[in-house]
Amino acid sequence: MPPSSDTDKRPDCIKCRYFRITWEPDHPRACEAMGFKTKLMPSAEVKRASGQECLHFAPKPERKDSARSQGNVSTETGAGRSWKA
């Protein structure tokens, strides 16, 4: 079994309710809880700056079953194209 690394223990920002995509090329990721934007994953930036793991991680709420996940999505679009789900 390979040794565990710091990234194995770091919270997964993608699964955090406070993680945001900013669409800004210089700072594409953000942490809404801590109020900053970064090129790195926010949890990596917190570890780099403070030496501690992120303490604001909170899992995203469970999604209710949607029409898409149940396969009930229309394949038609307004442009006359058909997309497969």
PDB file of N, CA and C in Angstrom:
ATOM      1  N   MET A   1       0.852  -1.185   0.000  1.00  0.00           N
ATOM      2  CA  MET A   1       0.000   0.000   0.000  1.00  0.00           C
ATOM      3  C   MET A   1       0.894   1.243   0.000  1.00  0.00           C
ATOM      4  N   PRO A   2       0.673   2.191  -0.919  1.00  0.00           N
ATOM      5  CA  PRO A   2       1.526   3.374  -0.977  1.00  0.00           C
ATOM      6  C   PRO A   2       1.294   4.274   0.232  1.00  0.00           C
ATOM      7  N   PRO A   3       2.336   5.005   0.639  1.00  0.00           N
ATOM      8  CA  PRO A   3       2.161   5.918   1.769  1.00  0.00           C
ATOM      9  C   PRO A   3       1.168   7.017   1.431  1.00  0.00           C
ATOM     10  N   SER A   4       0.424   7.453   2.441  1.00  0.00           N
ATOM     11  CA  SER A   4      -0.554   8.519   2.194  1.00  0.00           C
ATOM     12  C   SER A   4       0.164   9.857   2.139  1.00  0.00           C
ATOM     13  N   SER A   5      -0.379  10.757   1.359  1.00  0.00           N
ATOM     14  CA  SER A   5       0.203  12.089   1.234  1.00  0.00           C
ATOM     15  C   SER A   5      -0.738  13.104   1.853  1.00  0.00           C
ATOM     16  N   ASP A   6      -0.274  14.354   1.943  1.00  0.00           N
ATOM     17  CA  ASP A   6      -1.111  15.423   2.491  1.00  0.00           C
ATOM     18  C   ASP A   6      -2.374  15.616   1.670  1.00  0.00           C
ATOM     19  N   THR A   7      -2.291  15.380   0.353  1.00  0.00           N
ATOM     20  CA  THR A   7      -3.466  15.593  -0.491  1.00  0.00           C
ATOM     21  C   THR A   7      -4.552  14.564  -0.201  1.00  0.00           C
ATOM     22  N   ASP A   8      -4.187  13.396   0.367  1.00  0.00           N
ATOM     23  CA  ASP A   8      -5.195  12.398   0.729  1.00  0.00           C
ATOM     24  C   ASP A   8      -6.061  12.891   1.878  1.00  0.00           C
ATOM     25  N   LYS A   9      -5.511  13.736   2.747  1.00  0.00           N
ATOM     26  CA  LYS A   9      -6.216  14.230   3.928  1.00  0.00           C
ATOM     27  C   LYS A   9      -6.925  15.556   3.671  1.00  0.00           C
ATOM     28  N   ARG A  10      -6.519  16.246   2.629  1.00  0.00           N
ATOM     29  CA  ARG A  10      -7.068  17.573   2.336  1.00  0.00           C
ATOM     30  C   ARG A  10      -8.526  17.468   1.906  1.00  0.00           C
ATOM     31  N   PRO A  11      -9.378  18.370   2.384  1.00  0.00           N
ATOM     32  CA  PRO A  11     -10.778  18.356   1.936  1.00  0.00           C
ATOM     33  C   PRO A  11     -10.867  18.512   0.413  1.00  0.00           C
ATOM     34  N   ASP A  12     -11.815  17.838  -0.194  1.00  0.00           N
ATOM     35  CA  ASP A  12     -12.024  17.919  -1.642  1.00  0.00           C
ATOM     36  C   ASP A  12     -12.924  19.116  -1.936  1.00  0.00           C
ATOM     37  N   CYS A  13     -12.328  20.201  -2.395  1.00  0.00           N
ATOM     38  CA  CYS A  13     -13.075  21.438  -2.642  1.00  0.00           C
ATOM     39  C   CYS A  13     -14.248  21.226  -3.596  1.00  0.00           C
ATOM     40  N   ILE A  14     -14.090  20.352  -4.567  1.00  0.00           N
ATOM     41  CA  ILE A  14     -15.152  20.097  -5.539  1.00  0.00           C
ATOM     42  C   ILE A  14     -16.429  19.644  -4.830  1.00  0.00           C
ATOM     43  N   LYS A  15     -16.281  18.965  -3.708  1.00  0.00           N
ATOM     44  CA  LYS A  15     -17.432  18.452  -2.964  1.00  0.00           C
ATOM     45  C   LYS A  15     -17.910  19.409  -1.871  1.00  0.00           C
ATOM     46  N   CYS A  16     -17.300  20.598  -1.795  1.00  0.00           N
ATOM     47  CA  CYS A  16     -17.640  21.562  -0.744  1.00  0.00           C
ATOM     48  C   CYS A  16     -18.703  22.548  -1.217  1.00  0.00           C
ATOM     49  N   ARG A  17     -19.639  22.869  -0.339  1.00  0.00           N
ATOM     50  CA  ARG A  17     -20.717  23.799  -0.683  1.00  0.00           C
ATOM     51  C   ARG A  17     -20.204  25.217  -0.920  1.00  0.00           C
ATOM     52  N   TYR A  18     -19.008  25.560  -0.455  1.00  0.00           N
ATOM     53  CA  TYR A  18     -18.477  26.916  -0.600  1.00  0.00           C
ATOM     54  C   TYR A  18     -17.558  27.092  -1.808  1.00  0.00           C
ATOM     55  N   PHE A  19     -17.262  26.011  -2.516  1.00  0.00           N
ATOM     56  CA  PHE A  19     -16.385  26.085  -3.685  1.00  0.00           C
ATOM     57  C   PHE A  19     -17.124  26.720  -4.855  1.00  0.00           C
ATOM     58  N   ARG A  20     -16.462  27.617  -5.548  1.00  0.00           N
ATOM     59  CA  ARG A  20     -17.045  28.286  -6.717  1.00  0.00           C
ATOM     60  C   ARG A  20     -16.035  28.333  -7.858  1.00  0.00           C
ATOM     61  N   ILE A  21     -16.546  28.326  -9.083  1.00  0.00           N
ATOM     62  CA  ILE A  21     -15.759  28.584 -10.287  1.00  0.00           C
ATOM     63  C   ILE A  21     -16.003  30.045 -10.628  1.00  0.00           C
ATOM     64  N   THR A  22     -14.932  30.818 -10.791  1.00  0.00           N
ATOM     65  CA  THR A  22     -15.091  32.258 -11.025  1.00  0.00           C
ATOM     66  C   THR A  22     -15.124  32.621 -12.499  1.00  0.00           C
ATOM     67  N   TRP A  23     -14.576  31.782 -13.360  1.00  0.00           N
ATOM     68  CA  TRP A  23     -14.435  32.050 -14.788  1.00  0.00           C
ATOM     69  C   TRP A  23     -13.441  33.175 -15.053  1.00  0.00           C
ATOM     70  N   GLU A  24     -12.637  33.553 -14.061  1.00  0.00           N
ATOM     71  CA  GLU A  24     -11.564  34.531 -14.243  1.00  0.00           C
ATOM     72  C   GLU A  24     -10.274  33.753 -14.504  1.00  0.00           C
ATOM     73  N   PRO A  25      -9.628  33.959 -15.653  1.00  0.00           N
ATOM     74  CA  PRO A  25      -8.434  33.175 -15.985  1.00  0.00           C
ATOM     75  C   PRO A  25      -7.323  33.242 -14.929  1.00  0.00           C
ATOM     76  N   ASP A  26      -7.124  34.387 -14.305  1.00  0.00           N
ATOM     77  CA  ASP A  26      -6.060  34.514 -13.307  1.00  0.00           C
ATOM     78  C   ASP A  26      -6.418  33.912 -11.952  1.00  0.00           C
ATOM     79  N   HIS A  27      -7.700  33.795 -11.664  1.00  0.00           N
ATOM     80  CA  HIS A  27      -8.170  33.254 -10.384  1.00  0.00           C
ATOM     81  C   HIS A  27      -9.436  32.428 -10.630  1.00  0.00           C
ATOM     82  N   PRO A  28      -9.292  31.232 -11.207  1.00  0.00           N
ATOM     83  CA  PRO A  28     -10.468  30.470 -11.631  1.00  0.00           C
ATOM     84  C   PRO A  28     -11.267  29.789 -10.521  1.00  0.00           C
ATOM     85  N   ARG A  29     -10.708  29.712  -9.327  1.00  0.00           N
ATOM     86  CA  ARG A  29     -11.397  29.020  -8.228  1.00  0.00           C
ATOM     87  C   ARG A  29     -11.570  29.962  -7.050  1.00  0.00           C
ATOM     88  N   ALA A  30     -12.616  29.710  -6.251  1.00  0.00           N
ATOM     89  CA  ALA A  30     -12.867  30.578  -5.100  1.00  0.00           C
ATOM     90  C   ALA A  30     -13.455  29.790  -3.945  1.00  0.00           C
ATOM     91  N   CYS A  31     -13.243  30.347  -2.751  1.00  0.00           N
ATOM     92  CA  CYS A  31     -13.877  29.823  -1.545  1.00  0.00           C
ATOM     93  C   CYS A  31     -14.804  30.913  -1.031  1.00  0.00           C
ATOM     94  N   GLU A  32     -16.094  30.653  -1.092  1.00  0.00           N
ATOM     95  CA  GLU A  32     -17.079  31.632  -0.646  1.00  0.00           C
ATOM     96  C   GLU A  32     -17.037  31.809   0.876  1.00  0.00           C
ATOM     97  N   ALA A  33     -16.738  30.753   1.614  1.00  0.00           N
ATOM     98  CA  ALA A  33     -16.699  30.832   3.081  1.00  0.00           C
ATOM     99  C   ALA A  33     -15.573  31.738   3.558  1.00  0.00           C
ATOM    100  N   MET A  34     -14.416  31.664   2.889  1.00  0.00           N
ATOM    101  CA  MET A  34     -13.264  32.446   3.327  1.00  0.00           C
ATOM    102  C   MET A  34     -13.079  33.718   2.512  1.00  0.00           C
ATOM    103  N   GLY A  35     -13.824  33.851   1.421  1.00  0.00           N
ATOM    104  CA  GLY A  35     -13.820  35.082   0.647  1.00  0.00           C
ATOM    105  C   GLY A  35     -12.562  35.357  -0.154  1.00  0.00           C
ATOM    106  N   PHE A  36     -12.010  34.337  -0.824  1.00  0.00           N
ATOM    107  CA  PHE A  36     -10.851  34.584  -1.674  1.00  0.00           C
ATOM    108  C   PHE A  36     -10.938  33.787  -2.968  1.00  0.00           C
ATOM    109  N   LYS A  37     -10.170  34.253  -3.967  1.00  0.00           N
ATOM    110  CA  LYS A  37     -10.053  33.598  -5.267  1.00  0.00           C
ATOM    111  C   LYS A  37      -8.604  33.160  -5.425  1.00  0.00           C
ATOM    112  N   THR A  38      -8.385  32.086  -6.187  1.00  0.00           N
ATOM    113  CA  THR A  38      -7.039  31.540  -6.323  1.00  0.00           C
ATOM    114  C   THR A  38      -6.890  30.715  -7.595  1.00  0.00           C
ATOM    115  N   LYS A  39      -5.642  30.524  -8.018  1.00  0.00           N
ATOM    116  CA  LYS A  39      -5.362  29.608  -9.122  1.00  0.00           C
ATOM    117  C   LYS A  39      -5.379  28.167  -8.627  1.00  0.00           C
ATOM    118  N   LEU A  40      -4.954  27.971  -7.374  1.00  0.00           N
ATOM    119  CA  LEU A  40      -4.913  26.640  -6.775  1.00  0.00           C
ATOM    120  C   LEU A  40      -6.298  26.234  -6.298  1.00  0.00           C
ATOM    121  N   MET A  41      -6.421  24.989  -5.887  1.00  0.00           N
ATOM    122  CA  MET A  41      -7.640  24.599  -5.189  1.00  0.00           C
ATOM    123  C   MET A  41      -7.620  25.360  -3.871  1.00  0.00           C
ATOM    124  N   PRO A  42      -8.740  25.892  -3.428  1.00  0.00           N
ATOM    125  CA  PRO A  42      -8.740  26.683  -2.196  1.00  0.00           C
ATOM    126  C   PRO A  42      -8.151  25.958  -0.987  1.00  0.00           C
ATOM    127  N   SER A  43      -8.402  24.663  -0.842  1.00  0.00           N
ATOM    128  CA  SER A  43      -7.842  23.946   0.311  1.00  0.00           C
ATOM    129  C   SER A  43      -6.315  23.914   0.262  1.00  0.00           C
ATOM    130  N   ALA A  44      -5.740  23.844  -0.936  1.00  0.00           N
ATOM    131  CA  ALA A  44      -4.282  23.871  -1.081  1.00  0.00           C
ATOM    132  C   ALA A  44      -3.736  25.251  -0.720  1.00  0.00           C
ATOM    133  N   GLU A  45      -4.452  26.289  -1.095  1.00  0.00           N
ATOM    134  CA  GLU A  45      -4.034  27.656  -0.765  1.00  0.00           C
ATOM    135  C   GLU A  45      -4.091  27.892   0.746  1.00  0.00           C
ATOM    136  N   VAL A  46      -5.127  27.382   1.397  1.00  0.00           N
ATOM    137  CA  VAL A  46      -5.248  27.512   2.856  1.00  0.00           C
ATOM    138  C   VAL A  46      -4.079  26.803   3.534  1.00  0.00           C
ATOM    139  N   LYS A  47      -3.773  25.590   3.102  1.00  0.00           N
ATOM    140  CA  LYS A  47      -2.661  24.824   3.681  1.00  0.00           C
ATOM    141  C   LYS A  47      -1.341  25.549   3.464  1.00  0.00           C
ATOM    142  N   ARG A  48      -1.139  26.096   2.266  1.00  0.00           N
ATOM    143  CA  ARG A  48       0.100  26.805   1.954  1.00  0.00           C
ATOM    144  C   ARG A  48       0.248  28.055   2.821  1.00  0.00           C
ATOM    145  N   ALA A  49      -0.831  28.806   2.974  1.00  0.00           N
ATOM    146  CA  ALA A  49      -0.768  30.083   3.684  1.00  0.00           C
ATOM    147  C   ALA A  49      -0.742  29.933   5.208  1.00  0.00           C
ATOM    148  N   SER A  50      -1.474  28.952   5.734  1.00  0.00           N
ATOM    149  CA  SER A  50      -1.609  28.859   7.193  1.00  0.00           C
ATOM    150  C   SER A  50      -0.914  27.650   7.812  1.00  0.00           C
ATOM    151  N   GLY A  51      -0.620  26.657   6.981  1.00  0.00           N
ATOM    152  CA  GLY A  51      -0.043  25.432   7.511  1.00  0.00           C
ATOM    153  C   GLY A  51      -1.089  24.481   8.076  1.00  0.00           C
ATOM    154  N   GLN A  52      -2.361  24.877   8.041  1.00  0.00           N
ATOM    155  CA  GLN A  52      -3.446  24.051   8.557  1.00  0.00           C
ATOM    156  C   GLN A  52      -4.383  23.651   7.423  1.00  0.00           C
ATOM    157  N   GLU A  53      -5.094  22.550   7.650  1.00  0.00           N
ATOM    158  CA  GLU A  53      -6.116  22.146   6.687  1.00  0.00           C
ATOM    159  C   GLU A  53      -7.306  23.096   6.793  1.00  0.00           C
ATOM    160  N   CYS A  54      -8.087  23.166   5.749  1.00  0.00           N
ATOM    161  CA  CYS A  54      -9.275  24.024   5.731  1.00  0.00           C
ATOM    162  C   CYS A  54     -10.260  23.585   6.811  1.00  0.00           C
ATOM    163  N   LEU A  55     -10.749  24.543   7.573  1.00  0.00           N
ATOM    164  CA  LEU A  55     -11.709  24.253   8.637  1.00  0.00           C
ATOM    165  C   LEU A  55     -13.138  24.607   8.241  1.00  0.00           C
ATOM    166  N   HIS A  56     -13.318  25.135   7.020  1.00  0.00           N
ATOM    167  CA  HIS A  56     -14.649  25.558   6.578  1.00  0.00           C
ATOM    168  C   HIS A  56     -15.331  24.550   5.661  1.00  0.00           C
ATOM    169  N   PHE A  57     -14.687  23.415   5.383  1.00  0.00           N
ATOM    170  CA  PHE A  57     -15.279  22.435   4.475  1.00  0.00           C
ATOM    171  C   PHE A  57     -16.645  21.992   4.988  1.00  0.00           C
ATOM    172  N   ALA A  58     -17.617  22.023   4.092  1.00  0.00           N
ATOM    173  CA  ALA A  58     -18.958  21.512   4.388  1.00  0.00           C
ATOM    174  C   ALA A  58     -19.454  20.814   3.127  1.00  0.00           C
ATOM    175  N   PRO A  59     -19.863  19.554   3.218  1.00  0.00           N
ATOM    176  CA  PRO A  59     -20.298  18.839   2.015  1.00  0.00           C
ATOM    177  C   PRO A  59     -21.495  19.512   1.356  1.00  0.00           C
ATOM    178  N   LYS A  60     -21.523  19.424   0.036  1.00  0.00           N
ATOM    179  CA  LYS A  60     -22.678  19.952  -0.700  1.00  0.00           C
ATOM    180  C   LYS A  60     -23.918  19.172  -0.291  1.00  0.00           C
ATOM    181  N   PRO A  61     -25.071  19.839  -0.278  1.00  0.00           N
ATOM    182  CA  PRO A  61     -26.300  19.113   0.060  1.00  0.00           C
ATOM    183  C   PRO A  61     -26.607  18.060  -0.999  1.00  0.00           C
ATOM    184  N   GLU A  62     -27.275  17.016  -0.580  1.00  0.00           N
ATOM    185  CA  GLU A  62     -27.690  15.960  -1.509  1.00  0.00           C
ATOM    186  C   GLU A  62     -28.633  16.545  -2.545  1.00  0.00           C
ATOM    187  N   ARG A  63     -28.447  16.138  -3.798  1.00  0.00           N
ATOM    188  CA  ARG A  63     -29.356  16.573  -4.859  1.00  0.00           C
ATOM    189  C   ARG A  63     -30.567  15.664  -4.879  1.00  0.00           C
ATOM    190  N   LYS A  64     -31.724  16.252  -5.071  1.00  0.00           N
ATOM    191  CA  LYS A  64     -32.929  15.445  -5.248  1.00  0.00           C
ATOM    192  C   LYS A  64     -32.874  14.834  -6.636  1.00  0.00           C
ATOM    193  N   ASP A  65     -33.540  13.708  -6.817  1.00  0.00           N
ATOM    194  CA  ASP A  65     -33.578  13.101  -8.144  1.00  0.00           C
ATOM    195  C   ASP A  65     -34.194  14.086  -9.118  1.00  0.00           C
ATOM    196  N   SER A  66     -33.494  14.328 -10.192  1.00  0.00           N
ATOM    197  CA  SER A  66     -33.995  15.253 -11.203  1.00  0.00           C
ATOM    198  C   SER A  66     -34.476  14.469 -12.414  1.00  0.00           C
ATOM    199  N   ALA A  67     -35.139  15.151 -13.310  1.00  0.00           N
ATOM    200  CA  ALA A  67     -35.606  14.516 -14.547  1.00  0.00           C
ATOM    201  C   ALA A  67     -34.421  13.977 -15.333  1.00  0.00           C
ATOM    202  N   ARG A  68     -33.303  14.697 -15.318  1.00  0.00           N
ATOM    203  CA  ARG A  68     -32.125  14.259 -16.065  1.00  0.00           C
ATOM    204  C   ARG A  68     -31.598  12.934 -15.512  1.00  0.00           C
ATOM    205  N   SER A  69     -31.488  12.811 -14.201  1.00  0.00           N
ATOM    206  CA  SER A  69     -30.944  11.580 -13.631  1.00  0.00           C
ATOM    207  C   SER A  69     -31.898  10.404 -13.813  1.00  0.00           C
ATOM    208  N   GLN A  70     -33.177  10.679 -14.014  1.00  0.00           N
ATOM    209  CA  GLN A  70     -34.154   9.619 -14.230  1.00  0.00           C
ATOM    210  C   GLN A  70     -34.336   9.305 -15.707  1.00  0.00           C
ATOM    211  N   GLY A  71     -33.638  10.029 -16.577  1.00  0.00           N
ATOM    212  CA  GLY A  71     -33.732   9.777 -18.002  1.00  0.00           C
ATOM    213  C   GLY A  71     -34.960  10.373 -18.660  1.00  0.00           C
ATOM    214  N   ASN A  72     -35.611  11.337 -18.018  1.00  0.00           N
ATOM    215  CA  ASN A  72     -36.831  11.939 -18.561  1.00  0.00           C
ATOM    216  C   ASN A  72     -36.571  13.294 -19.205  1.00  0.00           C
ATOM    217  N   VAL A  73     -35.442  13.447 -19.850  1.00  0.00           N
ATOM    218  CA  VAL A  73     -35.099  14.720 -20.465  1.00  0.00           C
ATOM    219  C   VAL A  73     -35.380  14.647 -21.958  1.00  0.00           C
ATOM    220  N   SER A  74     -36.024  15.656 -22.477  1.00  0.00           N
ATOM    221  CA  SER A  74     -36.303  15.723 -23.905  1.00  0.00           C
ATOM    222  C   SER A  74     -34.995  15.861 -24.662  1.00  0.00           C
ATOM    223  N   THR A  75     -34.900  15.213 -25.822  1.00  0.00           N
ATOM    224  CA  THR A  75     -33.689  15.311 -26.627  1.00  0.00           C
ATOM    225  C   THR A  75     -33.779  16.427 -27.645  1.00  0.00           C
ATOM    226  N   GLU A  76     -34.881  17.150 -27.675  1.00  0.00           N
ATOM    227  CA  GLU A  76     -35.035  18.240 -28.632  1.00  0.00           C
ATOM    228  C   GLU A  76     -34.571  19.553 -28.036  1.00  0.00           C
ATOM    229  N   THR A  77     -34.018  20.405 -28.901  1.00  0.00           N
ATOM    230  CA  THR A  77     -33.646  21.751 -28.486  1.00  0.00           C
ATOM    231  C   THR A  77     -34.425  22.729 -29.341  1.00  0.00           C
ATOM    232  N   GLY A  78     -34.400  23.962 -28.964  1.00  0.00           N
ATOM    233  CA  GLY A  78     -35.113  24.987 -29.717  1.00  0.00           C
ATOM    234  C   GLY A  78     -34.523  25.248 -31.086  1.00  0.00           C
ATOM    235  N   ALA A  79     -33.317  24.788 -31.348  1.00  0.00           N
ATOM    236  CA  ALA A  79     -32.654  25.054 -32.620  1.00  0.00           C
ATOM    237  C   ALA A  79     -32.866  23.937 -33.633  1.00  0.00           C
ATOM    238  N   GLY A  80     -33.742  22.999 -33.325  1.00  0.00           N
ATOM    239  CA  GLY A  80     -34.010  21.930 -34.277  1.00  0.00           C
ATOM    240  C   GLY A  80     -32.977  20.821 -34.242  1.00  0.00           C
ATOM    241  N   ARG A  81     -32.096  20.849 -33.257  1.00  0.00           N
ATOM    242  CA  ARG A  81     -31.093  19.798 -33.122  1.00  0.00           C
ATOM    243  C   ARG A  81     -31.576  18.783 -32.102  1.00  0.00           C
ATOM    244  N   SER A  82     -31.034  17.620 -32.219  1.00  0.00           N
ATOM    245  CA  SER A  82     -31.374  16.574 -31.273  1.00  0.00           C
ATOM    246  C   SER A  82     -30.097  16.134 -30.568  1.00  0.00           C
ATOM    247  N   TRP A  83     -30.129  16.120 -29.247  1.00  0.00           N
ATOM    248  CA  TRP A  83     -28.973  15.719 -28.449  1.00  0.00           C
ATOM    249  C   TRP A  83     -29.335  14.472 -27.673  1.00  0.00           C
ATOM    250  N   LYS A  84     -28.407  13.554 -27.607  1.00  0.00           N
ATOM    251  CA  LYS A  84     -28.648  12.338 -26.837  1.00  0.00           C
ATOM    252  C   LYS A  84     -28.277  12.597 -25.390  1.00  0.00           C
ATOM    253  N   ALA A  85     -29.119  12.150 -24.480  1.00  0.00           N
ATOM    254  CA  ALA A  85     -28.868  12.349 -23.043  1.00  0.00           C
ATOM    255  C   ALA A  85     -27.891  11.332 -22.528  1.00  0.00           C
TER     256      ALA A  85
END
